[in-house]
Amino acid sequence: MVSLAAGSGMDAIARLYAEKLSEAFGKPVIVENKPGAATTLAANLVAKAPPDGYTLVALTSIALSINPTLFKHLNYDPQDFTPISLYVKSPFVLVINPSLPAKTLSEFAELARKANPPLSYASIGTGSVQHMSMEFAKKRLGFDATHVPYRSTPESVTDLMGGRVAASFLEAGLSIPLIKEGKLRALAVSSAQRLPLLPDVPPFAEASGAADYEGVSWHMLLVPSKTPQPIIDRLHAEMKRIMEAPEMRAKIAALGLIPIDSPSIEDMRSYIKSEQLKWGAMVKQLGLEGSQ
């Protein structure tokens, strides 16, 4: 199960490794998209699924490290899952509708300061990395903008290109083709380093002066926590083999994402806890704790 909509970077990669898992196990692996409710819909369904190894979920940092602080009441706990593979980091690109006159981040901030009524920006929901990234930008650069949450990224992109919202932090893989076609304009990337596919677009940290800023999401494949250990070990080994293949890493990079070597299961558990501290602190800093 994929927690984001069809057409997203997560969905594209899930379909790649689902085909390889199907070959490895000799059984069809079906990708089902369950976007919505800040990824809690998919997370909740799989947390309560039979722990037999047949139901897996691809989640991002939203579900495992942001929602526990953002939501007052959450129908699942991160410990309801056992991690199988941490396989990619997903940077975002701050993009605007090209009808706006701003060509740089500072020009956009100046435009937003003067806008009346305020400019609007899209995200895939309150508490998403995209939402918090823009809220951080607002605080850092001193401008106002109205948040417009969407159920899915493709819906937000349609409105962004149509001029119904002015800006958004979008997945790099989704935004890069639209940037190259002139349908969107890129102002900054959320990763600490420039992206090879967008060499002229500066990192947000560089463009804003916030030297310690990096706002990337990550993708993790998980199963219900009571899944038998032999099944967990087999899935982990197969995913590690699949995601380390050079052709798979090349396809991931071509999507504008950053392939990574999956840590051990215990190291992934530790990573989730460290990310909960990092993003939980940002949720609190933005005054969003328990707001959902």
Protein backbone atom coordinates (compact mmCIF):
# COMPACT_ATOMS: atom_id res chain seq x y z
CA MET A 1 0.00 0.00 0.00
CA VAL A 2 1.31 3.45 -0.95
CA SER A 3 0.39 6.39 1.27
CA LEU A 4 0.62 8.96 -1.54
CA ALA A 5 -1.33 9.29 -4.77
CA ALA A 6 -0.58 7.64 -8.11
CA GLY A 7 1.87 9.79 -10.04
CA SER A 8 3.93 10.76 -7.01
CA GLY A 9 7.63 9.91 -6.71
CA MET A 10 6.85 7.38 -3.98
CA ASP A 11 4.32 5.68 -6.24
CA ALA A 12 6.75 5.50 -9.16
CA ILE A 13 9.44 3.81 -7.08
CA ALA A 14 6.96 1.46 -5.38
CA ARG A 15 5.86 0.19 -8.77
CA LEU A 16 9.49 -0.45 -9.73
CA TYR A 17 10.32 -2.55 -6.68
CA ALA A 18 6.89 -4.21 -6.60
CA GLU A 19 7.69 -5.73 -9.98
CA LYS A 20 11.03 -7.01 -8.67
CA LEU A 21 9.44 -8.40 -5.49
CA SER A 22 6.87 -10.18 -7.64
CA GLU A 23 9.68 -11.82 -9.59
CA ALA A 24 11.50 -12.79 -6.39
CA PHE A 25 8.49 -14.40 -4.72
CA GLY A 26 6.74 -15.74 -7.80
CA LYS A 27 3.51 -14.00 -6.84
CA PRO A 28 1.88 -10.78 -8.06
CA VAL A 29 2.54 -7.73 -5.91
CA ILE A 30 -0.29 -5.21 -6.24
CA VAL A 31 0.32 -1.51 -5.58
CA GLU A 32 -2.72 0.13 -3.98
CA ASN A 33 -2.75 3.89 -3.43
CA LYS A 34 -4.41 5.15 -0.26
CA PRO A 35 -3.61 8.87 -0.01
CA GLY A 36 -5.26 11.22 2.45
CA ALA A 37 -5.39 12.44 6.03
CA ALA A 38 -1.66 13.27 6.10
CA THR A 39 -0.83 9.62 5.25
CA THR A 40 -2.72 8.38 8.33
CA LEU A 41 -5.24 6.53 6.15
CA ALA A 42 -2.71 4.07 4.74
CA ALA A 43 -0.77 3.84 8.01
CA ASN A 44 -3.87 3.00 10.02
CA LEU A 45 -5.05 0.36 7.55
CA VAL A 46 -1.73 -1.49 7.53
CA ALA A 47 -1.16 -1.15 11.28
CA LYS A 48 -4.34 -3.21 11.73
CA ALA A 49 -3.71 -5.62 8.85
CA PRO A 50 -2.93 -9.31 9.46
CA PRO A 51 0.82 -9.67 10.23
CA ASP A 52 1.39 -12.31 7.57
CA GLY A 53 3.81 -10.51 5.26
CA TYR A 54 1.22 -9.99 2.53
CA THR A 55 0.37 -6.39 3.41
CA LEU A 56 3.16 -3.82 3.33
CA VAL A 57 3.04 -0.04 3.39
CA ALA A 58 5.31 2.64 1.95
CA LEU A 59 5.33 5.60 4.33
CA THR A 60 7.23 8.86 4.55
CA SER A 61 8.58 10.88 7.45
CA ILE A 62 5.12 12.43 7.82
CA ALA A 63 3.53 9.26 9.16
CA LEU A 64 6.33 8.12 11.42
CA SER A 65 8.07 11.25 12.67
CA ILE A 66 5.67 14.20 12.25
CA ASN A 67 2.16 12.90 12.89
CA PRO A 68 2.93 11.60 16.42
CA THR A 69 3.47 15.23 17.53
CA LEU A 70 1.06 16.91 15.12
CA PHE A 71 -2.04 14.87 15.97
CA LYS A 72 -3.82 15.07 19.27
CA HIS A 73 -5.19 11.55 18.78
CA LEU A 74 -3.56 9.15 16.33
CA ASN A 75 -5.15 5.80 15.44
CA TYR A 76 -1.77 4.11 15.09
CA ASP A 77 1.61 4.19 16.79
CA PRO A 78 4.95 4.11 14.93
CA GLN A 79 5.73 1.01 16.95
CA ASP A 80 2.82 -0.73 15.24
CA PHE A 81 5.25 -1.29 12.33
CA THR A 82 8.51 -3.09 11.68
CA PRO A 83 10.74 -1.38 9.09
CA ILE A 84 11.75 -3.41 6.07
CA SER A 85 13.69 -0.93 3.95
CA LEU A 86 14.73 2.73 4.12
CA TYR A 87 15.55 3.24 0.48
CA VAL A 88 15.33 6.85 -0.65
CA LYS A 89 15.39 10.49 0.42
CA SER A 90 13.06 12.89 -1.32
CA PRO A 91 14.11 16.52 -1.70
CA PHE A 92 11.58 19.22 -2.52
CA VAL A 93 11.72 22.17 -4.88
CA LEU A 94 10.15 25.52 -4.03
CA VAL A 95 8.23 26.32 -7.21
CA ILE A 96 5.91 29.13 -8.23
CA ASN A 97 3.49 29.80 -11.04
CA PRO A 98 5.62 31.33 -13.84
CA SER A 99 3.17 34.22 -14.24
CA LEU A 100 4.60 35.69 -11.04
CA PRO A 101 7.46 38.14 -11.67
CA ALA A 102 9.79 36.67 -9.02
CA LYS A 103 12.92 34.94 -10.35
CA THR A 104 14.67 34.26 -7.01
CA LEU A 105 13.73 33.33 -3.46
CA SER A 106 14.39 36.86 -2.21
CA GLU A 107 12.25 38.36 -4.98
CA PHE A 108 9.42 35.97 -4.11
CA ALA A 109 9.65 36.91 -0.42
CA GLU A 110 9.50 40.60 -1.35
CA LEU A 111 6.51 39.98 -3.61
CA ALA A 112 4.75 38.04 -0.85
CA ARG A 113 5.38 40.83 1.69
CA LYS A 114 3.58 43.32 -0.55
CA ALA A 115 0.74 41.05 -1.69
CA ASN A 116 -2.76 42.01 -0.57
CA PRO A 117 -4.53 39.69 -0.16
CA PRO A 118 -1.67 37.31 0.78
CA LEU A 119 -0.34 34.87 -1.78
CA SER A 120 -1.42 31.25 -1.32
CA TYR A 121 0.65 28.07 -1.27
CA ALA A 122 -0.22 24.40 -1.63
CA SER A 123 0.84 21.36 0.35
CA ILE A 124 -0.38 17.79 0.73
CA GLY A 125 -1.70 18.57 4.20
CA THR A 126 -1.12 20.27 7.51
CA GLY A 127 2.08 19.03 9.10
CA SER A 128 3.55 17.67 5.87
CA VAL A 129 7.20 18.42 5.19
CA GLN A 130 6.07 20.75 2.40
CA HIS A 131 3.80 22.64 4.80
CA MET A 132 6.44 23.00 7.49
CA SER A 133 9.06 23.99 4.93
CA MET A 134 6.93 26.89 3.73
CA GLU A 135 6.05 27.92 7.27
CA PHE A 136 9.76 27.94 8.05
CA ALA A 137 10.34 30.10 4.95
CA LYS A 138 7.64 32.52 6.08
CA LYS A 139 9.22 32.93 9.49
CA ARG A 140 12.76 33.11 8.14
CA LEU A 141 12.05 35.61 5.35
CA GLY A 142 9.26 37.58 7.03
CA PHE A 143 6.34 37.20 4.66
CA ASP A 144 2.77 35.97 4.90
CA ALA A 145 1.06 33.36 2.71
CA THR A 146 -2.18 31.40 3.01
CA HIS A 147 -1.88 27.63 3.35
CA VAL A 148 -4.11 25.57 1.03
CA PRO A 149 -3.92 21.84 1.90
CA TYR A 150 -4.71 19.29 -0.81
CA ARG A 151 -5.62 15.63 -0.69
CA SER A 152 -2.89 14.71 -3.18
CA THR A 153 0.12 16.22 -4.91
CA PRO A 154 -1.27 15.94 -8.48
CA GLU A 155 -4.32 17.97 -7.45
CA SER A 156 -2.14 20.70 -6.01
CA VAL A 157 0.06 20.76 -9.13
CA THR A 158 -2.99 21.25 -11.35
CA ASP A 159 -4.04 24.29 -9.34
CA LEU A 160 -0.48 25.60 -9.15
CA MET A 161 -0.06 25.48 -12.92
CA GLY A 162 -3.51 27.01 -13.32
CA GLY A 163 -2.61 29.94 -11.09
CA ARG A 164 -5.15 29.15 -8.39
CA VAL A 165 -2.29 28.92 -5.87
CA ALA A 166 1.02 30.77 -6.17
CA ALA A 167 3.65 28.43 -4.76
CA SER A 168 4.50 25.07 -3.27
CA PHE A 169 7.34 22.84 -2.15
CA LEU A 170 6.95 19.92 -4.58
CA GLU A 171 8.71 16.57 -4.89
CA ALA A 172 11.74 17.05 -7.12
CA GLY A 173 10.84 14.12 -9.36
CA LEU A 174 7.41 15.51 -10.09
CA SER A 175 8.42 19.13 -10.47
CA ILE A 176 11.59 18.82 -12.60
CA PRO A 177 9.82 17.96 -15.90
CA LEU A 178 7.33 20.79 -15.33
CA ILE A 179 10.18 23.20 -14.57
CA LYS A 180 12.02 22.21 -17.74
CA GLU A 181 8.81 22.65 -19.76
CA GLY A 182 8.34 26.16 -18.33
CA LYS A 183 5.10 25.26 -16.56
CA LEU A 184 6.62 26.00 -13.14
CA ARG A 185 9.54 28.16 -11.99
CA ALA A 186 12.05 26.82 -9.45
CA LEU A 187 13.41 29.11 -6.74
CA ALA A 188 15.21 26.76 -4.32
CA VAL A 189 15.70 23.09 -3.39
CA SER A 190 15.20 21.80 0.15
CA SER A 191 18.23 19.49 0.22
CA ALA A 192 21.59 20.60 1.60
CA GLN A 193 23.21 20.15 -1.81
CA ARG A 194 22.20 21.20 -5.33
CA LEU A 195 20.42 18.57 -7.40
CA PRO A 196 22.27 17.34 -10.50
CA LEU A 197 19.07 17.70 -12.54
CA LEU A 198 18.66 21.34 -11.39
CA PRO A 199 22.25 22.61 -11.15
CA ASP A 200 21.26 26.29 -11.35
CA VAL A 201 18.74 26.17 -8.49
CA PRO A 202 20.32 26.94 -5.09
CA PRO A 203 19.58 25.08 -1.86
CA PHE A 204 17.10 26.91 0.34
CA ALA A 205 19.79 27.16 3.03
CA GLU A 206 22.07 29.02 0.64
CA ALA A 207 19.37 31.26 -0.82
CA SER A 208 17.86 32.19 2.55
CA GLY A 209 20.93 32.30 4.77
CA ALA A 210 19.54 29.54 7.02
CA ALA A 211 22.76 27.54 6.88
CA ASP A 212 21.56 24.58 8.96
CA TYR A 213 18.31 24.02 7.09
CA GLU A 214 17.49 20.80 5.23
CA GLY A 215 13.94 19.64 4.65
CA VAL A 216 13.87 16.27 2.92
CA SER A 217 11.39 13.46 3.30
CA TRP A 218 12.29 9.79 3.19
CA HIS A 219 10.55 6.64 2.03
CA MET A 220 10.34 3.51 4.12
CA LEU A 221 8.68 0.15 3.50
CA LEU A 222 7.15 -1.45 6.60
CA VAL A 223 4.98 -4.35 7.78
CA PRO A 224 2.74 -4.78 10.85
CA SER A 225 4.89 -5.19 13.95
CA LYS A 226 3.82 -8.75 14.78
CA THR A 227 4.94 -10.13 11.41
CA PRO A 228 7.10 -13.24 12.00
CA GLN A 229 10.84 -12.57 12.00
CA PRO A 230 11.67 -14.99 9.13
CA ILE A 231 9.28 -13.07 6.86
CA ILE A 232 10.77 -9.74 7.97
CA ASP A 233 14.30 -10.98 7.31
CA ARG A 234 13.40 -12.30 3.84
CA LEU A 235 11.65 -9.09 2.83
CA HIS A 236 14.54 -6.99 4.15
CA ALA A 237 17.09 -9.04 2.23
CA GLU A 238 15.11 -8.95 -1.02
CA MET A 239 14.52 -5.18 -0.79
CA LYS A 240 18.20 -4.57 -0.05
CA ARG A 241 19.18 -6.63 -3.11
CA ILE A 242 16.64 -4.86 -5.34
CA MET A 243 17.41 -1.31 -4.22
CA GLU A 244 21.20 -1.74 -4.44
CA ALA A 245 21.07 -2.77 -8.11
CA PRO A 246 22.78 -0.11 -10.28
CA GLU A 247 19.85 0.10 -12.69
CA MET A 248 17.41 0.72 -9.83
CA ARG A 249 19.61 3.45 -8.35
CA ALA A 250 19.86 5.08 -11.77
CA LYS A 251 16.10 5.07 -12.17
CA ILE A 252 15.66 6.61 -8.70
CA ALA A 253 18.18 9.35 -9.45
CA ALA A 254 16.41 10.05 -12.75
CA LEU A 255 13.26 10.78 -10.74
CA GLY A 256 15.11 13.53 -8.86
CA LEU A 257 15.38 11.43 -5.69
CA ILE A 258 18.40 10.37 -3.66
CA PRO A 259 18.94 6.57 -3.41
CA ILE A 260 20.42 5.34 -0.14
CA ASP A 261 21.70 2.02 1.18
CA SER A 262 19.10 0.71 3.60
CA PRO A 263 20.39 0.30 7.17
CA SER A 264 19.72 -2.77 9.29
CA ILE A 265 16.30 -3.19 10.85
CA GLU A 266 17.56 -2.05 14.26
CA ASP A 267 19.31 0.96 12.76
CA MET A 268 16.09 1.90 10.97
CA ARG A 269 14.24 1.80 14.28
CA SER A 270 16.86 4.15 15.75
CA TYR A 271 16.60 6.42 12.72
CA ILE A 272 12.83 6.71 13.11
CA LYS A 273 13.29 7.78 16.73
CA SER A 274 15.88 10.41 15.79
CA GLU A 275 13.59 11.78 13.09
CA GLN A 276 10.71 11.95 15.57
CA LEU A 277 12.85 14.21 17.74
CA LYS A 278 13.91 16.40 14.81
CA TRP A 279 10.53 16.89 13.17
CA GLY A 280 8.61 16.85 16.44
CA ALA A 281 10.69 19.80 17.59
CA MET A 282 9.85 21.69 14.40
CA VAL A 283 6.13 20.97 14.80
CA LYS A 284 6.30 22.42 18.30
CA GLN A 285 8.33 25.41 17.13
CA LEU A 286 5.63 26.20 14.57
CA GLY A 287 2.91 25.93 17.22
CA LEU A 288 1.29 22.92 15.55
CA GLU A 289 1.57 20.36 18.37
CA GLY A 290 -1.76 18.56 18.78
CA SER A 291 -3.38 20.82 16.19
CA GLN A 292 -4.89 17.97 14.17
